[in-house]
């Protein structure tokens, strides 16, 4: 059985993994949009969103623990995980903007 320390690190590493996948999918969406492959770009954007939701679920689990009075210790791994999550959110949002921009560009040429 896992102790609370192992569980804490496991959730942080899950956030890192899922947020990393979300960011990679967002970047792949931009690459597809650059080639005017909008269906593929939107598919990657959906995959990114799915991974973001999974990472957010991990984050929410920790927030719920804290709300229930079970203090969540902040450590460098958790800070790193939150950084990955924030960057993935930004990458996903920017990917959507790039797709929209490339769609407008495609219509103009």
PDB file of N, CA and C in Angstrom:
ATOM      1  N   UNK A   1       0.838  -1.179   0.000  1.00  0.00           N
ATOM      2  CA  UNK A   1       0.000   0.000   0.000  1.00  0.00           C
ATOM      3  C   UNK A   1       0.886   1.247   0.000  1.00  0.00           C
ATOM      4  N   UNK A   2       0.496   2.215  -0.770  1.00  0.00           N
ATOM      5  CA  UNK A   2       1.289   3.429  -0.890  1.00  0.00           C
ATOM      6  C   UNK A   2       1.026   4.346   0.293  1.00  0.00           C
ATOM      7  N   UNK A   3       2.111   4.945   0.787  1.00  0.00           N
ATOM      8  CA  UNK A   3       1.922   5.944   1.834  1.00  0.00           C
ATOM      9  C   UNK A   3       1.585   7.281   1.192  1.00  0.00           C
ATOM     10  N   UNK A   4       1.213   8.256   1.999  1.00  0.00           N
ATOM     11  CA  UNK A   4       0.772   9.547   1.474  1.00  0.00           C
ATOM     12  C   UNK A   4       1.891  10.263   0.724  1.00  0.00           C
ATOM     13  N   UNK A   5       3.143  10.046   1.141  1.00  0.00           N
ATOM     14  CA  UNK A   5       4.274  10.668   0.467  1.00  0.00           C
ATOM     15  C   UNK A   5       4.408  10.141  -0.966  1.00  0.00           C
ATOM     16  N   UNK A   6       4.284   8.826  -1.129  1.00  0.00           N
ATOM     17  CA  UNK A   6       4.364   8.239  -2.465  1.00  0.00           C
ATOM     18  C   UNK A   6       3.209   8.719  -3.338  1.00  0.00           C
ATOM     19  N   UNK A   7       2.016   8.788  -2.757  1.00  0.00           N
ATOM     20  CA  UNK A   7       0.831   9.236  -3.493  1.00  0.00           C
ATOM     21  C   UNK A   7       1.008  10.677  -3.972  1.00  0.00           C
ATOM     22  N   UNK A   8       1.577  11.517  -3.098  1.00  0.00           N
ATOM     23  CA  UNK A   8       1.811  12.926  -3.432  1.00  0.00           C
ATOM     24  C   UNK A   8       2.736  13.046  -4.641  1.00  0.00           C
ATOM     25  N   UNK A   9       3.819  12.298  -4.634  1.00  0.00           N
ATOM     26  CA  UNK A   9       4.756  12.350  -5.747  1.00  0.00           C
ATOM     27  C   UNK A   9       4.141  11.740  -7.005  1.00  0.00           C
ATOM     28  N   UNK A  10       3.367  10.680  -6.826  1.00  0.00           N
ATOM     29  CA  UNK A  10       2.723  10.037  -7.964  1.00  0.00           C
ATOM     30  C   UNK A  10       1.795  11.016  -8.684  1.00  0.00           C
ATOM     31  N   UNK A  11       0.990  11.759  -7.946  1.00  0.00           N
ATOM     32  CA  UNK A  11       0.097  12.735  -8.556  1.00  0.00           C
ATOM     33  C   UNK A  11       0.878  13.839  -9.262  1.00  0.00           C
ATOM     34  N   UNK A  12       1.958  14.302  -8.649  1.00  0.00           N
ATOM     35  CA  UNK A  12       2.779  15.346  -9.275  1.00  0.00           C
ATOM     36  C   UNK A  12       3.376  14.842 -10.583  1.00  0.00           C
ATOM     37  N   UNK A  13       3.886  13.611 -10.579  1.00  0.00           N
ATOM     38  CA  UNK A  13       4.466  13.069 -11.808  1.00  0.00           C
ATOM     39  C   UNK A  13       3.394  12.809 -12.865  1.00  0.00           C
ATOM     40  N   UNK A  14       2.192  12.455 -12.439  1.00  0.00           N
ATOM     41  CA  UNK A  14       1.091  12.301 -13.398  1.00  0.00           C
ATOM     42  C   UNK A  14       0.771  13.630 -14.068  1.00  0.00           C
ATOM     43  N   UNK A  15       0.777  14.702 -13.291  1.00  0.00           N
ATOM     44  CA  UNK A  15       0.537  16.035 -13.868  1.00  0.00           C
ATOM     45  C   UNK A  15       1.623  16.355 -14.892  1.00  0.00           C
ATOM     46  N   UNK A  16       2.871  16.086 -14.550  1.00  0.00           N
ATOM     47  CA  UNK A  16       3.985  16.349 -15.463  1.00  0.00           C
ATOM     48  C   UNK A  16       3.802  15.564 -16.758  1.00  0.00           C
ATOM     49  N   UNK A  17       3.487  14.295 -16.642  1.00  0.00           N
ATOM     50  CA  UNK A  17       3.327  13.437 -17.813  1.00  0.00           C
ATOM     51  C   UNK A  17       2.157  13.893 -18.686  1.00  0.00           C
ATOM     52  N   UNK A  18       1.013  14.079 -18.077  1.00  0.00           N
ATOM     53  CA  UNK A  18      -0.187  14.437 -18.842  1.00  0.00           C
ATOM     54  C   UNK A  18      -0.088  15.849 -19.423  1.00  0.00           C
ATOM     55  N   UNK A  19       0.466  16.773 -18.657  1.00  0.00           N
ATOM     56  CA  UNK A  19       0.644  18.130 -19.172  1.00  0.00           C
ATOM     57  C   UNK A  19       1.664  18.139 -20.310  1.00  0.00           C
ATOM     58  N   UNK A  20       2.700  17.347 -20.189  1.00  0.00           N
ATOM     59  CA  UNK A  20       3.687  17.239 -21.268  1.00  0.00           C
ATOM     60  C   UNK A  20       3.055  16.705 -22.539  1.00  0.00           C
ATOM     61  N   UNK A  21       2.210  15.679 -22.402  1.00  0.00           N
ATOM     62  CA  UNK A  21       1.499  15.150 -23.563  1.00  0.00           C
ATOM     63  C   UNK A  21       0.588  16.212 -24.163  1.00  0.00           C
ATOM     64  N   UNK A  22      -0.114  16.956 -23.301  1.00  0.00           N
ATOM     65  CA  UNK A  22      -1.022  18.008 -23.779  1.00  0.00           C
ATOM     66  C   UNK A  22      -0.248  19.060 -24.564  1.00  0.00           C
ATOM     67  N   UNK A  23       0.898  19.462 -24.054  1.00  0.00           N
ATOM     68  CA  UNK A  23       1.713  20.462 -24.754  1.00  0.00           C
ATOM     69  C   UNK A  23       2.205  19.918 -26.092  1.00  0.00           C
ATOM     70  N   UNK A  24       2.653  18.671 -26.113  1.00  0.00           N
ATOM     71  CA  UNK A  24       3.126  18.077 -27.365  1.00  0.00           C
ATOM     72  C   UNK A  24       2.014  18.013 -28.399  1.00  0.00           C
ATOM     73  N   UNK A  25       0.822  17.610 -27.986  1.00  0.00           N
ATOM     74  CA  UNK A  25      -0.308  17.570 -28.921  1.00  0.00           C
ATOM     75  C   UNK A  25      -0.629  18.973 -29.441  1.00  0.00           C
ATOM     76  N   UNK A  26      -0.540  19.972 -28.581  1.00  0.00           N
ATOM     77  CA  UNK A  26      -0.795  21.353 -29.005  1.00  0.00           C
ATOM     78  C   UNK A  26       0.224  21.780 -30.055  1.00  0.00           C
ATOM     79  N   UNK A  27       1.467  21.426 -29.848  1.00  0.00           N
ATOM     80  CA  UNK A  27       2.505  21.788 -30.820  1.00  0.00           C
ATOM     81  C   UNK A  27       2.302  21.039 -32.138  1.00  0.00           C
ATOM     82  N   UNK A  28       1.855  19.803 -32.064  1.00  0.00           N
ATOM     83  CA  UNK A  28       1.559  19.039 -33.272  1.00  0.00           C
ATOM     84  C   UNK A  28       0.379  19.671 -34.016  1.00  0.00           C
ATOM     85  N   UNK A  29      -0.580  20.193 -33.277  1.00  0.00           N
ATOM     86  CA  UNK A  29      -1.721  20.882 -33.894  1.00  0.00           C
ATOM     87  C   UNK A  29      -1.247  22.091 -34.683  1.00  0.00           C
ATOM     88  N   UNK A  30      -0.321  22.849 -34.122  1.00  0.00           N
ATOM     89  CA  UNK A  30       0.221  24.009 -34.825  1.00  0.00           C
ATOM     90  C   UNK A  30       0.935  23.578 -36.103  1.00  0.00           C
ATOM     91  N   UNK A  31       1.708  22.521 -36.023  1.00  0.00           N
ATOM     92  CA  UNK A  31       2.425  22.028 -37.211  1.00  0.00           C
ATOM     93  C   UNK A  31       1.450  21.614 -38.312  1.00  0.00           C
ATOM     94  N   UNK A  32       0.388  20.952 -37.930  1.00  0.00           N
ATOM     95  CA  UNK A  32      -0.611  20.547 -38.928  1.00  0.00           C
ATOM     96  C   UNK A  32      -1.296  21.773 -39.532  1.00  0.00           C
ATOM     97  N   UNK A  33      -1.617  22.747 -38.701  1.00  0.00           N
ATOM     98  CA  UNK A  33      -2.267  23.964 -39.189  1.00  0.00           C
ATOM     99  C   UNK A  33      -1.347  24.706 -40.153  1.00  0.00           C
ATOM    100  N   UNK A  34      -0.064  24.692 -39.854  1.00  0.00           N
ATOM    101  CA  UNK A  34       0.905  25.365 -40.722  1.00  0.00           C
ATOM    102  C   UNK A  34       0.867  24.782 -42.137  1.00  0.00           C
ATOM    103  N   UNK A  35       0.552  23.495 -42.226  1.00  0.00           N
ATOM    104  CA  UNK A  35       0.424  22.846 -43.528  1.00  0.00           C
ATOM    105  C   UNK A  35      -1.005  22.870 -44.060  1.00  0.00           C
ATOM    106  N   UNK A  36      -1.857  23.670 -43.420  1.00  0.00           N
ATOM    107  CA  UNK A  36      -3.278  23.809 -43.784  1.00  0.00           C
ATOM    108  C   UNK A  36      -4.045  22.488 -43.651  1.00  0.00           C
ATOM    109  N   UNK A  37      -3.593  21.623 -42.766  1.00  0.00           N
ATOM    110  CA  UNK A  37      -4.279  20.364 -42.467  1.00  0.00           C
ATOM    111  C   UNK A  37      -5.147  20.587 -41.231  1.00  0.00           C
ATOM    112  N   UNK A  38      -6.252  21.271 -41.430  1.00  0.00           N
ATOM    113  CA  UNK A  38      -7.037  21.755 -40.299  1.00  0.00           C
ATOM    114  C   UNK A  38      -7.779  20.644 -39.549  1.00  0.00           C
ATOM    115  N   UNK A  39      -8.217  19.620 -40.265  1.00  0.00           N
ATOM    116  CA  UNK A  39      -8.885  18.506 -39.585  1.00  0.00           C
ATOM    117  C   UNK A  39      -7.916  17.827 -38.611  1.00  0.00           C
ATOM    118  N   UNK A  40      -6.707  17.567 -39.086  1.00  0.00           N
ATOM    119  CA  UNK A  40      -5.700  16.947 -38.240  1.00  0.00           C
ATOM    120  C   UNK A  40      -5.318  17.872 -37.082  1.00  0.00           C
ATOM    121  N   UNK A  41      -5.219  19.171 -37.395  1.00  0.00           N
ATOM    122  CA  UNK A  41      -4.879  20.145 -36.350  1.00  0.00           C
ATOM    123  C   UNK A  41      -5.929  20.134 -35.251  1.00  0.00           C
ATOM    124  N   UNK A  42      -7.193  20.126 -35.635  1.00  0.00           N
ATOM    125  CA  UNK A  42      -8.279  20.105 -34.642  1.00  0.00           C
ATOM    126  C   UNK A  42      -8.292  18.790 -33.862  1.00  0.00           C
ATOM    127  N   UNK A  43      -7.935  17.690 -34.533  1.00  0.00           N
ATOM    128  CA  UNK A  43      -7.852  16.408 -33.821  1.00  0.00           C
ATOM    129  C   UNK A  43      -6.774  16.456 -32.736  1.00  0.00           C
ATOM    130  N   UNK A  44      -5.615  17.010 -33.086  1.00  0.00           N
ATOM    131  CA  UNK A  44      -4.550  17.144 -32.089  1.00  0.00           C
ATOM    132  C   UNK A  44      -4.965  18.084 -30.958  1.00  0.00           C
ATOM    133  N   UNK A  45      -5.701  19.118 -31.300  1.00  0.00           N
ATOM    134  CA  UNK A  45      -6.186  20.041 -30.281  1.00  0.00           C
ATOM    135  C   UNK A  45      -7.130  19.321 -29.313  1.00  0.00           C
ATOM    136  N   UNK A  46      -7.970  18.441 -29.831  1.00  0.00           N
ATOM    137  CA  UNK A  46      -8.857  17.646 -28.970  1.00  0.00           C
ATOM    138  C   UNK A  46      -8.055  16.712 -28.068  1.00  0.00           C
ATOM    139  N   UNK A  47      -7.027  16.087 -28.625  1.00  0.00           N
ATOM    140  CA  UNK A  47      -6.168  15.216 -27.817  1.00  0.00           C
ATOM    141  C   UNK A  47      -5.492  16.021 -26.711  1.00  0.00           C
ATOM    142  N   UNK A  48      -5.041  17.217 -27.063  1.00  0.00           N
ATOM    143  CA  UNK A  48      -4.425  18.098 -26.075  1.00  0.00           C
ATOM    144  C   UNK A  48      -5.408  18.419 -24.956  1.00  0.00           C
ATOM    145  N   UNK A  49      -6.624  18.759 -25.338  1.00  0.00           N
ATOM    146  CA  UNK A  49      -7.654  19.086 -24.349  1.00  0.00           C
ATOM    147  C   UNK A  49      -7.934  17.897 -23.427  1.00  0.00           C
ATOM    148  N   UNK A  50      -7.968  16.701 -23.994  1.00  0.00           N
ATOM    149  CA  UNK A  50      -8.187  15.504 -23.182  1.00  0.00           C
ATOM    150  C   UNK A  50      -7.092  15.308 -22.145  1.00  0.00           C
ATOM    151  N   UNK A  51      -5.852  15.481 -22.565  1.00  0.00           N
ATOM    152  CA  UNK A  51      -4.731  15.337 -21.623  1.00  0.00           C
ATOM    153  C   UNK A  51      -4.746  16.451 -20.581  1.00  0.00           C
ATOM    154  N   UNK A  52      -5.163  17.651 -21.005  1.00  0.00           N
ATOM    155  CA  UNK A  52      -5.279  18.761 -20.045  1.00  0.00           C
ATOM    156  C   UNK A  52      -6.313  18.419 -18.973  1.00  0.00           C
ATOM    157  N   UNK A  53      -7.418  17.831 -19.390  1.00  0.00           N
ATOM    158  CA  UNK A  53      -8.455  17.451 -18.427  1.00  0.00           C
ATOM    159  C   UNK A  53      -7.933  16.402 -17.455  1.00  0.00           C
ATOM    160  N   UNK A  54      -7.156  15.451 -17.957  1.00  0.00           N
ATOM    161  CA  UNK A  54      -6.582  14.429 -17.082  1.00  0.00           C
ATOM    162  C   UNK A  54      -5.614  15.057 -16.074  1.00  0.00           C
ATOM    163  N   UNK A  55      -4.775  15.977 -16.541  1.00  0.00           N
ATOM    164  CA  UNK A  55      -3.846  16.668 -15.640  1.00  0.00           C
ATOM    165  C   UNK A  55      -4.617  17.494 -14.618  1.00  0.00           C
ATOM    166  N   UNK A  56      -5.676  18.138 -15.069  1.00  0.00           N
ATOM    167  CA  UNK A  56      -6.499  18.950 -14.171  1.00  0.00           C
ATOM    168  C   UNK A  56      -7.164  18.082 -13.106  1.00  0.00           C
ATOM    169  N   UNK A  57      -7.584  16.872 -13.487  1.00  0.00           N
ATOM    170  CA  UNK A  57      -8.174  15.949 -12.506  1.00  0.00           C
ATOM    171  C   UNK A  57      -7.168  15.619 -11.391  1.00  0.00           C
ATOM    172  N   UNK A  58      -5.909  15.425 -11.755  1.00  0.00           N
ATOM    173  CA  UNK A  58      -4.867  15.167 -10.750  1.00  0.00           C
ATOM    174  C   UNK A  58      -4.711  16.374  -9.837  1.00  0.00           C
ATOM    175  N   UNK A  59      -4.678  17.548 -10.444  1.00  0.00           N
ATOM    176  CA  UNK A  59      -4.546  18.784  -9.681  1.00  0.00           C
ATOM    177  C   UNK A  59      -5.745  18.945  -8.732  1.00  0.00           C
ATOM    178  N   UNK A  60      -6.932  18.687  -9.234  1.00  0.00           N
ATOM    179  CA  UNK A  60      -8.144  18.816  -8.430  1.00  0.00           C
ATOM    180  C   UNK A  60      -8.127  17.841  -7.255  1.00  0.00           C
ATOM    181  N   UNK A  61      -7.576  16.666  -7.469  1.00  0.00           N
ATOM    182  CA  UNK A  61      -7.457  15.688  -6.385  1.00  0.00           C
ATOM    183  C   UNK A  61      -6.643  16.259  -5.229  1.00  0.00           C
ATOM    184  N   UNK A  62      -5.547  16.932  -5.558  1.00  0.00           N
ATOM    185  CA  UNK A  62      -4.723  17.546  -4.509  1.00  0.00           C
ATOM    186  C   UNK A  62      -5.451  18.699  -3.834  1.00  0.00           C
ATOM    187  N   UNK A  63      -6.171  19.481  -4.612  1.00  0.00           N
ATOM    188  CA  UNK A  63      -6.934  20.600  -4.044  1.00  0.00           C
ATOM    189  C   UNK A  63      -8.000  20.070  -3.087  1.00  0.00           C
ATOM    190  N   UNK A  64      -8.662  18.986  -3.477  1.00  0.00           N
ATOM    191  CA  UNK A  64      -9.671  18.381  -2.605  1.00  0.00           C
ATOM    192  C   UNK A  64      -9.057  17.875  -1.305  1.00  0.00           C
ATOM    193  N   UNK A  65      -7.878  17.280  -1.399  1.00  0.00           N
ATOM    194  CA  UNK A  65      -7.188  16.821  -0.191  1.00  0.00           C
ATOM    195  C   UNK A  65      -6.944  17.987   0.762  1.00  0.00           C
ATOM    196  N   UNK A  66      -6.443  19.073   0.206  1.00  0.00           N
ATOM    197  CA  UNK A  66      -6.155  20.259   1.014  1.00  0.00           C
ATOM    198  C   UNK A  66      -7.440  20.804   1.635  1.00  0.00           C
ATOM    199  N   UNK A  67      -8.516  20.832   0.842  1.00  0.00           N
ATOM    200  CA  UNK A  67      -9.800  21.350   1.326  1.00  0.00           C
ATOM    201  C   UNK A  67     -10.372  20.485   2.451  1.00  0.00           C
ATOM    202  N   UNK A  68     -10.019  19.213   2.465  1.00  0.00           N
ATOM    203  CA  UNK A  68     -10.495  18.300   3.503  1.00  0.00           C
ATOM    204  C   UNK A  68      -9.609  18.328   4.750  1.00  0.00           C
ATOM    205  N   UNK A  69      -8.638  19.222   4.740  1.00  0.00           N
ATOM    206  CA  UNK A  69      -7.775  19.363   5.904  1.00  0.00           C
ATOM    207  C   UNK A  69      -6.525  18.519   5.864  1.00  0.00           C
ATOM    208  N   UNK A  70      -6.292  17.826   4.768  1.00  0.00           N
ATOM    209  CA  UNK A  70      -5.083  17.020   4.604  1.00  0.00           C
ATOM    210  C   UNK A  70      -4.046  17.864   3.857  1.00  0.00           C
ATOM    211  N   UNK A  71      -3.182  18.489   4.603  1.00  0.00           N
ATOM    212  CA  UNK A  71      -2.221  19.418   4.017  1.00  0.00           C
ATOM    213  C   UNK A  71      -1.404  18.750   2.918  1.00  0.00           C
ATOM    214  N   UNK A  72      -1.319  19.435   1.789  1.00  0.00           N
ATOM    215  CA  UNK A  72      -0.497  18.990   0.670  1.00  0.00           C
ATOM    216  C   UNK A  72       0.811  19.748   0.755  1.00  0.00           C
ATOM    217  N   UNK A  73       1.880  19.012   0.974  1.00  0.00           N
ATOM    218  CA  UNK A  73       3.197  19.633   1.100  1.00  0.00           C
ATOM    219  C   UNK A  73       3.684  20.109  -0.265  1.00  0.00           C
ATOM    220  N   UNK A  74       4.094  21.343  -0.329  1.00  0.00           N
ATOM    221  CA  UNK A  74       4.642  21.885  -1.566  1.00  0.00           C
ATOM    222  C   UNK A  74       6.135  21.544  -1.608  1.00  0.00           C
ATOM    223  N   UNK A  75       6.543  20.914  -2.701  1.00  0.00           N
ATOM    224  CA  UNK A  75       7.947  20.561  -2.896  1.00  0.00           C
ATOM    225  C   UNK A  75       8.321  20.887  -4.333  1.00  0.00           C
ATOM    226  N   UNK A  76       9.566  20.745  -4.658  1.00  0.00           N
ATOM    227  CA  UNK A  76      10.050  21.145  -5.978  1.00  0.00           C
ATOM    228  C   UNK A  76       9.396  20.328  -7.090  1.00  0.00           C
ATOM    229  N   UNK A  77       9.066  19.078  -6.836  1.00  0.00           N
ATOM    230  CA  UNK A  77       8.410  18.250  -7.853  1.00  0.00           C
ATOM    231  C   UNK A  77       7.010  18.781  -8.142  1.00  0.00           C
ATOM    232  N   UNK A  78       6.289  19.164  -7.105  1.00  0.00           N
ATOM    233  CA  UNK A  78       4.944  19.720  -7.287  1.00  0.00           C
ATOM    234  C   UNK A  78       5.009  21.072  -7.994  1.00  0.00           C
ATOM    235  N   UNK A  79       5.981  21.897  -7.636  1.00  0.00           N
ATOM    236  CA  UNK A  79       6.154  23.186  -8.308  1.00  0.00           C
ATOM    237  C   UNK A  79       6.458  22.948  -9.788  1.00  0.00           C
ATOM    238  N   UNK A  80       7.311  21.993 -10.055  1.00  0.00           N
ATOM    239  CA  UNK A  80       7.652  21.641 -11.433  1.00  0.00           C
ATOM    240  C   UNK A  80       6.403  21.163 -12.184  1.00  0.00           C
ATOM    241  N   UNK A  81       5.587  20.361 -11.535  1.00  0.00           N
ATOM    242  CA  UNK A  81       4.355  19.864 -12.150  1.00  0.00           C
ATOM    243  C   UNK A  81       3.411  21.015 -12.487  1.00  0.00           C
ATOM    244  N   UNK A  82       3.275  21.944 -11.567  1.00  0.00           N
ATOM    245  CA  UNK A  82       2.396  23.084 -11.806  1.00  0.00           C
ATOM    246  C   UNK A  82       2.922  23.951 -12.956  1.00  0.00           C
ATOM    247  N   UNK A  83       4.227  24.065 -13.054  1.00  0.00           N
ATOM    248  CA  UNK A  83       4.831  24.799 -14.159  1.00  0.00           C
ATOM    249  C   UNK A  83       4.505  24.127 -15.489  1.00  0.00           C
ATOM    250  N   UNK A  84       4.639  22.801 -15.535  1.00  0.00           N
ATOM    251  CA  UNK A  84       4.296  22.058 -16.750  1.00  0.00           C
ATOM    252  C   UNK A  84       2.829  22.255 -17.103  1.00  0.00           C
ATOM    253  N   UNK A  85       1.971  22.211 -16.103  1.00  0.00           N
ATOM    254  CA  UNK A  85       0.536  22.373 -16.343  1.00  0.00           C
ATOM    255  C   UNK A  85       0.242  23.761 -16.919  1.00  0.00           C
ATOM    256  N   UNK A  86       0.829  24.785 -16.316  1.00  0.00           N
ATOM    257  CA  UNK A  86       0.611  26.151 -16.802  1.00  0.00           C
ATOM    258  C   UNK A  86       1.100  26.330 -18.231  1.00  0.00           C
ATOM    259  N   UNK A  87       2.266  25.786 -18.533  1.00  0.00           N
ATOM    260  CA  UNK A  87       2.805  25.897 -19.885  1.00  0.00           C
ATOM    261  C   UNK A  87       1.941  25.138 -20.888  1.00  0.00           C
ATOM    262  N   UNK A  88       1.396  24.005 -20.480  1.00  0.00           N
ATOM    263  CA  UNK A  88       0.528  23.234 -21.372  1.00  0.00           C
ATOM    264  C   UNK A  88      -0.759  23.993 -21.670  1.00  0.00           C
ATOM    265  N   UNK A  89      -1.306  24.654 -20.656  1.00  0.00           N
ATOM    266  CA  UNK A  89      -2.513  25.458 -20.862  1.00  0.00           C
ATOM    267  C   UNK A  89      -2.227  26.555 -21.880  1.00  0.00           C
ATOM    268  N   UNK A  90      -1.111  27.224 -21.716  1.00  0.00           N
ATOM    269  CA  UNK A  90      -0.735  28.291 -22.638  1.00  0.00           C
ATOM    270  C   UNK A  90      -0.512  27.745 -24.051  1.00  0.00           C
ATOM    271  N   UNK A  91       0.173  26.628 -24.161  1.00  0.00           N
ATOM    272  CA  UNK A  91       0.438  26.038 -25.476  1.00  0.00           C
ATOM    273  C   UNK A  91      -0.862  25.649 -26.166  1.00  0.00           C
ATOM    274  N   UNK A  92      -1.784  25.076 -25.418  1.00  0.00           N
ATOM    275  CA  UNK A  92      -3.064  24.671 -25.986  1.00  0.00           C
ATOM    276  C   UNK A  92      -3.858  25.887 -26.451  1.00  0.00           C
ATOM    277  N   UNK A  93      -3.891  26.930 -25.633  1.00  0.00           N
ATOM    278  CA  UNK A  93      -4.601  28.154 -26.008  1.00  0.00           C
ATOM    279  C   UNK A  93      -3.976  28.803 -27.241  1.00  0.00           C
ATOM    280  N   UNK A  94      -2.660  28.834 -27.283  1.00  0.00           N
ATOM    281  CA  UNK A  94      -1.971  29.426 -28.432  1.00  0.00           C
ATOM    282  C   UNK A  94      -2.182  28.580 -29.692  1.00  0.00           C
ATOM    283  N   UNK A  95      -2.225  27.268 -29.533  1.00  0.00           N
ATOM    284  CA  UNK A  95      -2.457  26.397 -30.689  1.00  0.00           C
ATOM    285  C   UNK A  95      -3.809  26.700 -31.314  1.00  0.00           C
ATOM    286  N   UNK A  96      -4.803  26.902 -30.490  1.00  0.00           N
ATOM    287  CA  UNK A  96      -6.121  27.243 -31.021  1.00  0.00           C
ATOM    288  C   UNK A  96      -6.074  28.557 -31.797  1.00  0.00           C
ATOM    289  N   UNK A  97      -5.356  29.521 -31.268  1.00  0.00           N
ATOM    290  CA  UNK A  97      -5.230  30.808 -31.956  1.00  0.00           C
ATOM    291  C   UNK A  97      -4.475  30.665 -33.279  1.00  0.00           C
ATOM    292  N   UNK A  98      -3.415  29.864 -33.277  1.00  0.00           N
ATOM    293  CA  UNK A  98      -2.666  29.643 -34.509  1.00  0.00           C
ATOM    294  C   UNK A  98      -3.522  28.943 -35.555  1.00  0.00           C
ATOM    295  N   UNK A  99      -4.294  27.954 -35.144  1.00  0.00           N
ATOM    296  CA  UNK A  99      -5.166  27.268 -36.094  1.00  0.00           C
ATOM    297  C   UNK A  99      -6.138  28.264 -36.719  1.00  0.00           C
ATOM    298  N   UNK A 100      -6.753  29.076 -35.875  1.00  0.00           N
ATOM    299  CA  UNK A 100      -7.679  30.089 -36.392  1.00  0.00           C
ATOM    300  C   UNK A 100      -6.983  31.041 -37.363  1.00  0.00           C
ATOM    301  N   UNK A 101      -5.785  31.456 -37.018  1.00  0.00           N
ATOM    302  CA  UNK A 101      -5.019  32.362 -37.876  1.00  0.00           C
ATOM    303  C   UNK A 101      -4.688  31.714 -39.217  1.00  0.00           C
ATOM    304  N   UNK A 102      -4.226  30.451 -39.188  1.00  0.00           N
ATOM    305  CA  UNK A 102      -3.915  29.764 -40.431  1.00  0.00           C
ATOM    306  C   UNK A 102      -5.167  29.535 -41.277  1.00  0.00           C
ATOM    307  N   UNK A 103      -6.305  29.314 -40.637  1.00  0.00           N
ATOM    308  CA  UNK A 103      -7.555  29.174 -41.394  1.00  0.00           C
ATOM    309  C   UNK A 103      -7.891  30.474 -42.115  1.00  0.00           C
ATOM    310  N   UNK A 104      -7.736  31.588 -41.436  1.00  0.00           N
ATOM    311  CA  UNK A 104      -7.980  32.888 -42.070  1.00  0.00           C
ATOM    312  C   UNK A 104      -7.003  33.105 -43.218  1.00  0.00           C
ATOM    313  N   UNK A 105      -5.736  32.781 -42.982  1.00  0.00           N
ATOM    314  CA  UNK A 105      -4.719  32.924 -44.026  1.00  0.00           C
ATOM    315  C   UNK A 105      -5.055  32.061 -45.228  1.00  0.00           C
ATOM    316  N   UNK A 106      -5.483  30.849 -44.988  1.00  0.00           N
ATOM    317  CA  UNK A 106      -5.818  29.927 -46.070  1.00  0.00           C
ATOM    318  C   UNK A 106      -6.972  30.463 -46.920  1.00  0.00           C
ATOM    319  N   UNK A 107      -7.929  31.089 -46.269  1.00  0.00           N
ATOM    320  CA  UNK A 107      -9.068  31.668 -46.988  1.00  0.00           C
ATOM    321  C   UNK A 107      -8.636  32.836 -47.879  1.00  0.00           C
ATOM    322  N   UNK A 108      -7.583  33.527 -47.490  1.00  0.00           N
ATOM    323  CA  UNK A 108      -7.124  34.723 -48.210  1.00  0.00           C
ATOM    324  C   UNK A 108      -6.240  34.404 -49.400  1.00  0.00           C
ATOM    325  N   UNK A 109      -5.647  33.216 -49.403  1.00  0.00           N
ATOM    326  CA  UNK A 109      -4.728  32.902 -50.520  1.00  0.00           C
ATOM    327  C   UNK A 109      -5.403  32.056 -51.587  1.00  0.00           C
TER     328      UNK A 109
END
